[in-house]
Amino acid sequence: MIVFISGGVRSGKSSFAEQCAKTIAQETCSLHYIATAMRTDKEMEARIAHHQHERQYDRWQTWEQPYDLDVLLPIFSERHVVLLDCLTNLWANELFRDDEWNVHVKVPRIAQQIKQLGEKVQALIVVSNELFCGGVPCERGTYAYMHGLGLLHQHIAAWSDVAILMKYGLPIVKKGRWLCGVELY
């Protein structure tokens, strides 16, 4: 099962995704959190600390993996529920890792890694930001980033069993049937 949760910054998508993962896992599956953010400045350190604090009393195994998602594939099995938070950071880290910015090479590779992970585990919850309401950027790097993220969203939404848009802290189901057992508003 793949659940895709997207939304604006501070829309509640991460905490909603965590609740979803815990509900799916119940007592039979272990919870795994793939954190893709890189520790680049004090603001990012604070955000990482906040997310770690939110999970400290739950049974999460955290993997800090800012790129090369395929490195983690051998670790997981059908007894695992995996939360990937977030695709937005993973894509930025992969795209700008070198000077190539080759969307047509990097998007299929990352998409395939996510698909393989989703096929291997009990459930994969992918969190990402919605950045597409501000128009088309002129700057080459920003355009490549947004273009690639849009393509990744399309791939993941196509493969997902459930796709949810978070708005104002409220989940809006865009695809599938919500089966996580959490009360929808």
N, C-alpha and C. Protein backbone atom coordinates (compact mmCIF):
# COMPACT_ATOMS: atom_id res chain seq x y z
N MET A 1 0.85 -1.18 0.00
CA MET A 1 0.00 0.00 0.00
C MET A 1 0.89 1.24 0.00
N ILE A 2 0.56 2.18 -0.85
CA ILE A 2 1.24 3.47 -0.86
C ILE A 2 0.21 4.55 -0.57
N VAL A 3 0.53 5.39 0.41
CA VAL A 3 -0.31 6.54 0.76
C VAL A 3 0.52 7.79 0.47
N PHE A 4 -0.01 8.68 -0.35
CA PHE A 4 0.68 9.92 -0.71
C PHE A 4 -0.04 11.07 -0.04
N ILE A 5 0.70 11.83 0.79
CA ILE A 5 0.13 12.96 1.51
C ILE A 5 0.92 14.20 1.14
N SER A 6 0.24 15.16 0.51
CA SER A 6 0.90 16.41 0.14
C SER A 6 0.12 17.58 0.72
N GLY A 7 0.77 18.72 0.74
CA GLY A 7 0.13 19.92 1.27
C GLY A 7 1.14 21.04 1.41
N GLY A 8 0.65 22.19 1.76
CA GLY A 8 1.51 23.34 1.95
C GLY A 8 2.35 23.22 3.21
N VAL A 9 3.28 24.13 3.36
CA VAL A 9 4.12 24.18 4.56
C VAL A 9 3.22 24.39 5.78
N ARG A 10 3.47 23.61 6.82
CA ARG A 10 2.73 23.69 8.08
C ARG A 10 1.23 23.38 7.91
N SER A 11 0.92 22.50 6.97
CA SER A 11 -0.49 22.13 6.75
C SER A 11 -0.93 20.96 7.62
N GLY A 12 0.00 20.37 8.37
CA GLY A 12 -0.33 19.24 9.23
C GLY A 12 -0.05 17.89 8.60
N LYS A 13 0.64 17.89 7.46
CA LYS A 13 0.83 16.64 6.73
C LYS A 13 1.73 15.65 7.47
N SER A 14 2.79 16.11 8.13
CA SER A 14 3.69 15.18 8.82
C SER A 14 3.02 14.50 10.01
N SER A 15 2.35 15.27 10.84
CA SER A 15 1.70 14.65 12.00
C SER A 15 0.55 13.74 11.56
N PHE A 16 -0.16 14.12 10.50
CA PHE A 16 -1.22 13.27 9.98
C PHE A 16 -0.62 11.97 9.43
N ALA A 17 0.51 12.07 8.72
CA ALA A 17 1.18 10.89 8.17
C ALA A 17 1.66 9.96 9.29
N GLU A 18 2.18 10.53 10.37
CA GLU A 18 2.61 9.72 11.51
C GLU A 18 1.43 8.97 12.11
N GLN A 19 0.31 9.64 12.28
CA GLN A 19 -0.88 8.99 12.82
C GLN A 19 -1.35 7.87 11.89
N CYS A 20 -1.31 8.13 10.61
CA CYS A 20 -1.69 7.12 9.61
C CYS A 20 -0.78 5.90 9.73
N ALA A 21 0.52 6.11 9.80
CA ALA A 21 1.48 5.01 9.90
C ALA A 21 1.23 4.18 11.16
N LYS A 22 1.01 4.85 12.29
CA LYS A 22 0.76 4.13 13.54
C LYS A 22 -0.53 3.32 13.46
N THR A 23 -1.54 3.87 12.82
CA THR A 23 -2.81 3.17 12.69
C THR A 23 -2.66 1.93 11.81
N ILE A 24 -1.96 2.05 10.71
CA ILE A 24 -1.75 0.91 9.82
C ILE A 24 -0.91 -0.16 10.51
N ALA A 25 0.14 0.25 11.21
CA ALA A 25 1.07 -0.69 11.82
C ALA A 25 0.44 -1.46 12.97
N GLN A 26 -0.40 -0.82 13.75
CA GLN A 26 -0.97 -1.40 14.97
C GLN A 26 0.14 -2.08 15.75
N GLU A 27 -0.06 -3.32 16.19
CA GLU A 27 0.97 -4.00 16.98
C GLU A 27 1.76 -5.01 16.15
N THR A 28 1.36 -5.24 14.91
CA THR A 28 1.97 -6.32 14.12
C THR A 28 3.14 -5.87 13.26
N CYS A 29 3.25 -4.60 12.97
CA CYS A 29 4.32 -4.11 12.10
C CYS A 29 5.19 -3.10 12.85
N SER A 30 6.46 -3.04 12.46
CA SER A 30 7.33 -2.03 13.05
C SER A 30 7.28 -0.75 12.23
N LEU A 31 7.49 0.36 12.91
CA LEU A 31 7.42 1.69 12.30
C LEU A 31 8.81 2.20 11.96
N HIS A 32 8.97 2.66 10.73
CA HIS A 32 10.25 3.20 10.27
C HIS A 32 10.02 4.58 9.68
N TYR A 33 10.91 5.49 10.03
CA TYR A 33 10.81 6.89 9.60
C TYR A 33 12.06 7.22 8.80
N ILE A 34 11.90 7.50 7.51
CA ILE A 34 13.03 7.93 6.68
C ILE A 34 13.00 9.45 6.64
N ALA A 35 13.97 10.05 7.32
CA ALA A 35 14.08 11.51 7.39
C ALA A 35 15.06 11.95 6.30
N THR A 36 14.60 12.84 5.42
CA THR A 36 15.42 13.24 4.27
C THR A 36 16.06 14.61 4.42
N ALA A 37 15.73 15.33 5.48
CA ALA A 37 16.28 16.68 5.66
C ALA A 37 17.75 16.62 6.02
N MET A 38 18.51 17.55 5.48
CA MET A 38 19.91 17.69 5.85
C MET A 38 20.03 18.80 6.88
N ARG A 39 20.92 18.61 7.81
CA ARG A 39 21.15 19.59 8.87
C ARG A 39 22.01 20.72 8.31
N THR A 40 21.35 21.75 7.78
CA THR A 40 22.08 22.81 7.08
C THR A 40 22.20 24.11 7.86
N ASP A 41 21.27 24.38 8.77
CA ASP A 41 21.30 25.63 9.53
C ASP A 41 20.49 25.46 10.81
N LYS A 42 20.44 26.52 11.61
CA LYS A 42 19.74 26.44 12.90
C LYS A 42 18.24 26.20 12.74
N GLU A 43 17.64 26.80 11.72
CA GLU A 43 16.21 26.60 11.50
C GLU A 43 15.91 25.14 11.18
N MET A 44 16.74 24.53 10.33
CA MET A 44 16.52 23.12 9.99
C MET A 44 16.80 22.24 11.20
N GLU A 45 17.81 22.58 11.98
CA GLU A 45 18.08 21.84 13.22
C GLU A 45 16.87 21.87 14.14
N ALA A 46 16.24 23.05 14.26
CA ALA A 46 15.06 23.18 15.12
C ALA A 46 13.90 22.35 14.59
N ARG A 47 13.70 22.34 13.28
CA ARG A 47 12.61 21.54 12.69
C ARG A 47 12.85 20.05 12.90
N ILE A 48 14.11 19.62 12.72
CA ILE A 48 14.44 18.21 12.94
C ILE A 48 14.21 17.85 14.40
N ALA A 49 14.66 18.70 15.31
CA ALA A 49 14.46 18.46 16.74
C ALA A 49 12.98 18.37 17.09
N HIS A 50 12.18 19.23 16.49
CA HIS A 50 10.72 19.21 16.73
C HIS A 50 10.13 17.87 16.29
N HIS A 51 10.49 17.43 15.10
CA HIS A 51 9.97 16.15 14.59
C HIS A 51 10.45 14.98 15.46
N GLN A 52 11.70 15.01 15.91
CA GLN A 52 12.21 13.96 16.78
C GLN A 52 11.46 13.95 18.11
N HIS A 53 11.21 15.12 18.65
CA HIS A 53 10.46 15.23 19.91
C HIS A 53 9.06 14.64 19.77
N GLU A 54 8.42 14.92 18.64
CA GLU A 54 7.06 14.41 18.39
C GLU A 54 7.03 12.88 18.39
N ARG A 55 8.12 12.25 17.97
CA ARG A 55 8.15 10.79 17.84
C ARG A 55 8.83 10.09 19.01
N GLN A 56 9.33 10.82 19.99
CA GLN A 56 10.20 10.22 20.99
C GLN A 56 9.55 9.12 21.84
N TYR A 57 8.26 9.17 22.04
CA TYR A 57 7.61 8.18 22.89
C TYR A 57 6.93 7.07 22.09
N ASP A 58 7.02 7.13 20.80
CA ASP A 58 6.48 6.09 19.94
C ASP A 58 7.60 5.12 19.57
N ARG A 59 7.27 4.10 18.88
CA ARG A 59 8.23 3.03 18.58
C ARG A 59 8.86 3.16 17.20
N TRP A 60 9.28 4.36 16.82
CA TRP A 60 9.86 4.60 15.50
C TRP A 60 11.33 4.22 15.45
N GLN A 61 11.74 3.60 14.36
CA GLN A 61 13.15 3.45 14.01
C GLN A 61 13.42 4.52 12.95
N THR A 62 14.34 5.44 13.23
CA THR A 62 14.59 6.55 12.31
C THR A 62 15.84 6.30 11.48
N TRP A 63 15.70 6.59 10.19
CA TRP A 63 16.81 6.49 9.24
C TRP A 63 17.01 7.87 8.62
N GLU A 64 18.17 8.47 8.83
CA GLU A 64 18.47 9.76 8.20
C GLU A 64 19.11 9.45 6.85
N GLN A 65 18.35 9.72 5.80
CA GLN A 65 18.78 9.36 4.44
C GLN A 65 18.43 10.50 3.49
N PRO A 66 19.32 11.49 3.34
CA PRO A 66 19.01 12.64 2.50
C PRO A 66 19.03 12.35 1.00
N TYR A 67 19.62 11.24 0.59
CA TYR A 67 19.62 10.81 -0.81
C TYR A 67 19.96 9.32 -0.86
N ASP A 68 19.98 8.75 -2.06
CA ASP A 68 20.25 7.32 -2.25
C ASP A 68 19.29 6.44 -1.44
N LEU A 69 18.03 6.62 -1.67
CA LEU A 69 16.99 5.85 -0.98
C LEU A 69 17.17 4.34 -1.16
N ASP A 70 17.73 3.94 -2.30
CA ASP A 70 17.90 2.52 -2.59
C ASP A 70 18.83 1.81 -1.60
N VAL A 71 19.68 2.55 -0.90
CA VAL A 71 20.56 1.96 0.10
C VAL A 71 19.75 1.28 1.20
N LEU A 72 18.58 1.81 1.50
CA LEU A 72 17.75 1.27 2.58
C LEU A 72 16.86 0.11 2.15
N LEU A 73 16.68 -0.11 0.86
CA LEU A 73 15.75 -1.14 0.39
C LEU A 73 15.98 -2.52 1.01
N PRO A 74 17.22 -3.01 1.14
CA PRO A 74 17.41 -4.35 1.70
C PRO A 74 16.96 -4.49 3.16
N ILE A 75 16.83 -3.40 3.86
CA ILE A 75 16.48 -3.43 5.29
C ILE A 75 15.02 -3.79 5.51
N PHE A 76 14.15 -3.41 4.59
CA PHE A 76 12.71 -3.46 4.83
C PHE A 76 12.06 -4.73 4.31
N SER A 77 10.90 -5.07 4.93
CA SER A 77 10.11 -6.23 4.53
C SER A 77 8.63 -5.91 4.69
N GLU A 78 7.79 -6.90 4.43
CA GLU A 78 6.34 -6.72 4.53
C GLU A 78 5.86 -6.50 5.97
N ARG A 79 6.73 -6.65 6.95
CA ARG A 79 6.35 -6.40 8.34
C ARG A 79 6.62 -4.96 8.76
N HIS A 80 6.97 -4.11 7.81
CA HIS A 80 7.34 -2.73 8.12
C HIS A 80 6.35 -1.74 7.52
N VAL A 81 6.08 -0.70 8.28
CA VAL A 81 5.35 0.47 7.79
C VAL A 81 6.36 1.60 7.77
N VAL A 82 6.53 2.21 6.60
CA VAL A 82 7.59 3.21 6.40
C VAL A 82 6.97 4.56 6.07
N LEU A 83 7.46 5.58 6.77
CA LEU A 83 7.06 6.96 6.50
C LEU A 83 8.27 7.68 5.90
N LEU A 84 8.13 8.18 4.69
CA LEU A 84 9.17 8.95 4.01
C LEU A 84 8.81 10.42 4.13
N ASP A 85 9.60 11.17 4.91
CA ASP A 85 9.31 12.58 5.17
C ASP A 85 10.59 13.39 4.97
N CYS A 86 10.74 14.10 3.88
CA CYS A 86 9.73 14.28 2.87
C CYS A 86 10.36 14.20 1.49
N LEU A 87 9.52 13.96 0.51
CA LEU A 87 9.94 13.88 -0.89
C LEU A 87 10.53 15.21 -1.35
N THR A 88 10.01 16.30 -0.86
CA THR A 88 10.48 17.63 -1.25
C THR A 88 11.97 17.80 -0.96
N ASN A 89 12.39 17.40 0.24
CA ASN A 89 13.81 17.47 0.59
C ASN A 89 14.63 16.45 -0.18
N LEU A 90 14.11 15.22 -0.28
CA LEU A 90 14.83 14.18 -1.01
C LEU A 90 15.12 14.64 -2.44
N TRP A 91 14.12 15.20 -3.10
CA TRP A 91 14.29 15.66 -4.48
C TRP A 91 15.32 16.79 -4.56
N ALA A 92 15.26 17.75 -3.66
CA ALA A 92 16.24 18.85 -3.67
C ALA A 92 17.65 18.31 -3.45
N ASN A 93 17.80 17.40 -2.49
CA ASN A 93 19.12 16.83 -2.21
C ASN A 93 19.67 16.09 -3.42
N GLU A 94 18.83 15.30 -4.07
CA GLU A 94 19.26 14.53 -5.24
C GLU A 94 19.54 15.44 -6.44
N LEU A 95 18.64 16.37 -6.72
CA LEU A 95 18.78 17.23 -7.90
C LEU A 95 20.03 18.09 -7.82
N PHE A 96 20.26 18.72 -6.66
CA PHE A 96 21.35 19.68 -6.53
C PHE A 96 22.62 19.05 -5.95
N ARG A 97 22.67 17.74 -5.91
CA ARG A 97 23.83 17.03 -5.40
C ARG A 97 25.05 17.26 -6.30
N ASP A 98 24.80 17.49 -7.57
CA ASP A 98 25.86 17.77 -8.53
C ASP A 98 25.40 18.92 -9.43
N ASP A 99 26.19 19.26 -10.41
CA ASP A 99 25.85 20.37 -11.30
C ASP A 99 25.05 19.94 -12.52
N GLU A 100 24.63 18.70 -12.57
CA GLU A 100 23.94 18.17 -13.75
C GLU A 100 22.49 18.63 -13.83
N TRP A 101 21.75 18.60 -12.73
CA TRP A 101 20.33 18.98 -12.67
C TRP A 101 19.52 18.25 -13.74
N ASN A 102 19.85 16.99 -13.98
CA ASN A 102 19.22 16.22 -15.05
C ASN A 102 17.91 15.59 -14.56
N VAL A 103 16.83 16.29 -14.76
CA VAL A 103 15.50 15.85 -14.32
C VAL A 103 15.13 14.53 -14.97
N HIS A 104 15.45 14.36 -16.25
CA HIS A 104 15.02 13.18 -17.01
C HIS A 104 15.77 11.92 -16.62
N VAL A 105 16.88 12.04 -15.92
CA VAL A 105 17.60 10.88 -15.40
C VAL A 105 17.23 10.65 -13.94
N LYS A 106 17.18 11.73 -13.16
CA LYS A 106 17.00 11.59 -11.72
C LYS A 106 15.57 11.27 -11.31
N VAL A 107 14.58 11.85 -11.97
CA VAL A 107 13.18 11.57 -11.60
C VAL A 107 12.85 10.09 -11.75
N PRO A 108 13.14 9.45 -12.90
CA PRO A 108 12.79 8.02 -13.01
C PRO A 108 13.50 7.15 -11.97
N ARG A 109 14.75 7.49 -11.65
CA ARG A 109 15.50 6.71 -10.66
C ARG A 109 14.85 6.81 -9.29
N ILE A 110 14.54 8.02 -8.85
CA ILE A 110 13.91 8.22 -7.54
C ILE A 110 12.52 7.61 -7.52
N ALA A 111 11.77 7.82 -8.59
CA ALA A 111 10.41 7.26 -8.66
C ALA A 111 10.47 5.74 -8.55
N GLN A 112 11.41 5.11 -9.24
CA GLN A 112 11.54 3.65 -9.19
C GLN A 112 11.91 3.18 -7.79
N GLN A 113 12.80 3.90 -7.11
CA GLN A 113 13.17 3.54 -5.74
C GLN A 113 11.96 3.59 -4.82
N ILE A 114 11.14 4.62 -4.97
CA ILE A 114 9.94 4.77 -4.14
C ILE A 114 8.95 3.65 -4.46
N LYS A 115 8.78 3.35 -5.73
CA LYS A 115 7.87 2.27 -6.12
C LYS A 115 8.33 0.93 -5.55
N GLN A 116 9.63 0.64 -5.65
CA GLN A 116 10.17 -0.61 -5.11
C GLN A 116 9.97 -0.69 -3.60
N LEU A 117 10.19 0.41 -2.91
CA LEU A 117 9.98 0.42 -1.47
C LEU A 117 8.52 0.17 -1.14
N GLY A 118 7.62 0.83 -1.86
CA GLY A 118 6.19 0.65 -1.63
C GLY A 118 5.72 -0.77 -1.88
N GLU A 119 6.34 -1.46 -2.83
CA GLU A 119 5.98 -2.85 -3.13
C GLU A 119 6.54 -3.82 -2.10
N LYS A 120 7.56 -3.41 -1.37
CA LYS A 120 8.26 -4.31 -0.45
C LYS A 120 7.67 -4.31 0.96
N VAL A 121 7.08 -3.20 1.38
CA VAL A 121 6.64 -3.04 2.77
C VAL A 121 5.13 -3.18 2.89
N GLN A 122 4.67 -3.31 4.13
CA GLN A 122 3.23 -3.34 4.40
C GLN A 122 2.57 -2.06 3.90
N ALA A 123 3.20 -0.92 4.22
CA ALA A 123 2.68 0.37 3.76
C ALA A 123 3.82 1.37 3.70
N LEU A 124 3.76 2.21 2.68
CA LEU A 124 4.69 3.33 2.54
C LEU A 124 3.86 4.60 2.50
N ILE A 125 4.15 5.51 3.42
CA ILE A 125 3.48 6.81 3.43
C ILE A 125 4.52 7.83 2.97
N VAL A 126 4.22 8.53 1.89
CA VAL A 126 5.13 9.53 1.32
C VAL A 126 4.55 10.91 1.57
N VAL A 127 5.33 11.78 2.19
CA VAL A 127 4.92 13.15 2.47
C VAL A 127 5.66 14.09 1.52
N SER A 128 4.95 15.09 0.99
CA SER A 128 5.58 16.07 0.11
C SER A 128 4.86 17.40 0.20
N ASN A 129 5.56 18.45 -0.21
CA ASN A 129 4.98 19.79 -0.22
C ASN A 129 4.35 20.11 -1.56
N GLU A 130 3.28 20.88 -1.51
CA GLU A 130 2.65 21.43 -2.72
C GLU A 130 3.25 22.81 -2.95
N LEU A 131 3.92 22.98 -4.08
CA LEU A 131 4.62 24.24 -4.38
C LEU A 131 4.17 24.84 -5.70
N PHE A 132 3.03 24.45 -6.21
CA PHE A 132 2.71 24.72 -7.60
C PHE A 132 1.68 25.82 -7.83
N CYS A 133 1.41 26.64 -6.85
CA CYS A 133 0.41 27.70 -7.01
C CYS A 133 1.02 29.05 -7.34
N GLY A 134 2.33 29.14 -7.37
CA GLY A 134 2.98 30.44 -7.53
C GLY A 134 3.42 30.78 -8.93
N GLY A 135 3.01 30.04 -9.91
CA GLY A 135 3.41 30.33 -11.28
C GLY A 135 4.65 29.57 -11.69
N VAL A 136 5.10 29.81 -12.91
CA VAL A 136 6.26 29.12 -13.47
C VAL A 136 7.50 29.97 -13.23
N PRO A 137 8.51 29.41 -12.54
CA PRO A 137 9.71 30.19 -12.26
C PRO A 137 10.58 30.36 -13.50
N CYS A 138 11.31 31.46 -13.53
CA CYS A 138 12.20 31.75 -14.66
C CYS A 138 13.60 31.18 -14.44
N GLU A 139 14.04 31.13 -13.21
CA GLU A 139 15.39 30.70 -12.90
C GLU A 139 15.53 29.20 -13.19
N ARG A 140 16.61 28.82 -13.85
CA ARG A 140 16.80 27.45 -14.34
C ARG A 140 16.75 26.39 -13.24
N GLY A 141 17.44 26.62 -12.13
CA GLY A 141 17.47 25.64 -11.05
C GLY A 141 16.11 25.46 -10.40
N THR A 142 15.42 26.56 -10.16
CA THR A 142 14.09 26.49 -9.56
C THR A 142 13.11 25.81 -10.50
N TYR A 143 13.22 26.12 -11.78
CA TYR A 143 12.34 25.47 -12.77
C TYR A 143 12.59 23.96 -12.80
N ALA A 144 13.86 23.55 -12.83
CA ALA A 144 14.19 22.12 -12.85
C ALA A 144 13.66 21.44 -11.60
N TYR A 145 13.81 22.11 -10.45
CA TYR A 145 13.33 21.54 -9.19
C TYR A 145 11.81 21.34 -9.23
N MET A 146 11.07 22.38 -9.59
CA MET A 146 9.61 22.29 -9.59
C MET A 146 9.11 21.32 -10.66
N HIS A 147 9.74 21.33 -11.82
CA HIS A 147 9.36 20.40 -12.89
C HIS A 147 9.53 18.95 -12.41
N GLY A 148 10.68 18.66 -11.84
CA GLY A 148 10.95 17.30 -11.35
C GLY A 148 10.03 16.89 -10.22
N LEU A 149 9.77 17.80 -9.29
CA LEU A 149 8.87 17.48 -8.18
C LEU A 149 7.46 17.20 -8.70
N GLY A 150 7.02 17.98 -9.67
CA GLY A 150 5.71 17.73 -10.27
C GLY A 150 5.63 16.36 -10.92
N LEU A 151 6.69 15.97 -11.63
CA LEU A 151 6.72 14.64 -12.24
C LEU A 151 6.70 13.54 -11.18
N LEU A 152 7.47 13.73 -10.12
CA LEU A 152 7.47 12.75 -9.03
C LEU A 152 6.08 12.63 -8.40
N HIS A 153 5.43 13.76 -8.17
CA HIS A 153 4.07 13.73 -7.62
C HIS A 153 3.14 12.93 -8.53
N GLN A 154 3.25 13.14 -9.83
CA GLN A 154 2.39 12.41 -10.77
C GLN A 154 2.63 10.90 -10.70
N HIS A 155 3.90 10.50 -10.67
CA HIS A 155 4.23 9.07 -10.57
C HIS A 155 3.66 8.47 -9.29
N ILE A 156 3.94 9.12 -8.17
CA ILE A 156 3.53 8.57 -6.88
C ILE A 156 2.02 8.56 -6.74
N ALA A 157 1.36 9.61 -7.18
CA ALA A 157 -0.11 9.63 -7.13
C ALA A 157 -0.69 8.51 -7.99
N ALA A 158 -0.09 8.24 -9.14
CA ALA A 158 -0.58 7.17 -10.01
C ALA A 158 -0.44 5.81 -9.35
N TRP A 159 0.64 5.58 -8.61
CA TRP A 159 0.87 4.29 -7.97
C TRP A 159 0.17 4.17 -6.63
N SER A 160 -0.20 5.27 -6.04
CA SER A 160 -0.72 5.24 -4.67
C SER A 160 -2.11 4.62 -4.60
N ASP A 161 -2.37 4.00 -3.47
CA ASP A 161 -3.71 3.49 -3.18
C ASP A 161 -4.59 4.62 -2.66
N VAL A 162 -3.95 5.54 -1.93
CA VAL A 162 -4.65 6.69 -1.35
C VAL A 162 -3.78 7.93 -1.59
N ALA A 163 -4.39 9.01 -2.04
CA ALA A 163 -3.70 10.30 -2.17
C ALA A 163 -4.50 11.35 -1.43
N ILE A 164 -3.83 12.07 -0.54
CA ILE A 164 -4.49 13.04 0.33
C ILE A 164 -3.81 14.39 0.19
N LEU A 165 -4.60 15.43 0.08
CA LEU A 165 -4.11 16.80 0.11
C LEU A 165 -4.48 17.38 1.47
N MET A 166 -3.49 17.84 2.21
CA MET A 166 -3.74 18.47 3.51
C MET A 166 -3.92 19.97 3.29
N LYS A 167 -4.99 20.50 3.85
CA LYS A 167 -5.27 21.93 3.73
C LYS A 167 -5.80 22.40 5.08
N TYR A 168 -5.15 23.38 5.68
CA TYR A 168 -5.56 23.94 6.97
C TYR A 168 -5.64 22.86 8.06
N GLY A 169 -4.79 21.85 7.97
CA GLY A 169 -4.82 20.76 8.93
C GLY A 169 -5.90 19.72 8.67
N LEU A 170 -6.60 19.86 7.56
CA LEU A 170 -7.69 18.93 7.23
C LEU A 170 -7.30 18.06 6.04
N PRO A 171 -7.51 16.75 6.13
CA PRO A 171 -7.20 15.87 5.01
C PRO A 171 -8.32 15.88 3.97
N ILE A 172 -7.95 16.06 2.72
CA ILE A 172 -8.89 16.00 1.61
C ILE A 172 -8.47 14.81 0.75
N VAL A 173 -9.29 13.77 0.73
CA VAL A 173 -8.95 12.56 -0.03
C VAL A 173 -9.16 12.83 -1.51
N LYS A 174 -8.09 12.69 -2.29
CA LYS A 174 -8.13 12.93 -3.73
C LYS A 174 -8.19 11.63 -4.52
N LYS A 175 -7.74 10.55 -3.92
CA LYS A 175 -7.74 9.26 -4.60
C LYS A 175 -7.91 8.15 -3.58
N GLY A 176 -8.67 7.15 -3.93
CA GLY A 176 -8.81 5.98 -3.09
C GLY A 176 -9.80 6.18 -1.96
N ARG A 177 -9.78 5.23 -1.08
CA ARG A 177 -10.68 5.25 0.07
C ARG A 177 -9.83 5.27 1.32
N TRP A 178 -10.14 6.15 2.22
CA TRP A 178 -9.34 6.30 3.42
C TRP A 178 -9.59 5.12 4.34
N LEU A 179 -8.54 4.33 4.61
CA LEU A 179 -8.68 3.11 5.39
C LEU A 179 -7.90 3.15 6.69
N CYS A 180 -7.36 4.29 7.05
CA CYS A 180 -6.47 4.34 8.21
C CYS A 180 -7.19 4.38 9.54
N GLY A 181 -8.48 4.49 9.54
CA GLY A 181 -9.22 4.43 10.79
C GLY A 181 -9.15 5.69 11.62
N VAL A 182 -8.54 6.74 11.11
CA VAL A 182 -8.49 8.01 11.84
C VAL A 182 -9.72 8.81 11.44
N GLU A 183 -10.24 9.51 12.38
CA GLU A 183 -11.44 10.30 12.11
C GLU A 183 -11.12 11.41 11.12
N LEU A 184 -11.87 11.46 10.04
CA LEU A 184 -11.74 12.56 9.09
C LEU A 184 -12.74 13.63 9.47
N TYR A 185 -12.35 14.86 9.36
CA TYR A 185 -13.17 15.98 9.81
C TYR A 185 -14.30 16.27 8.85
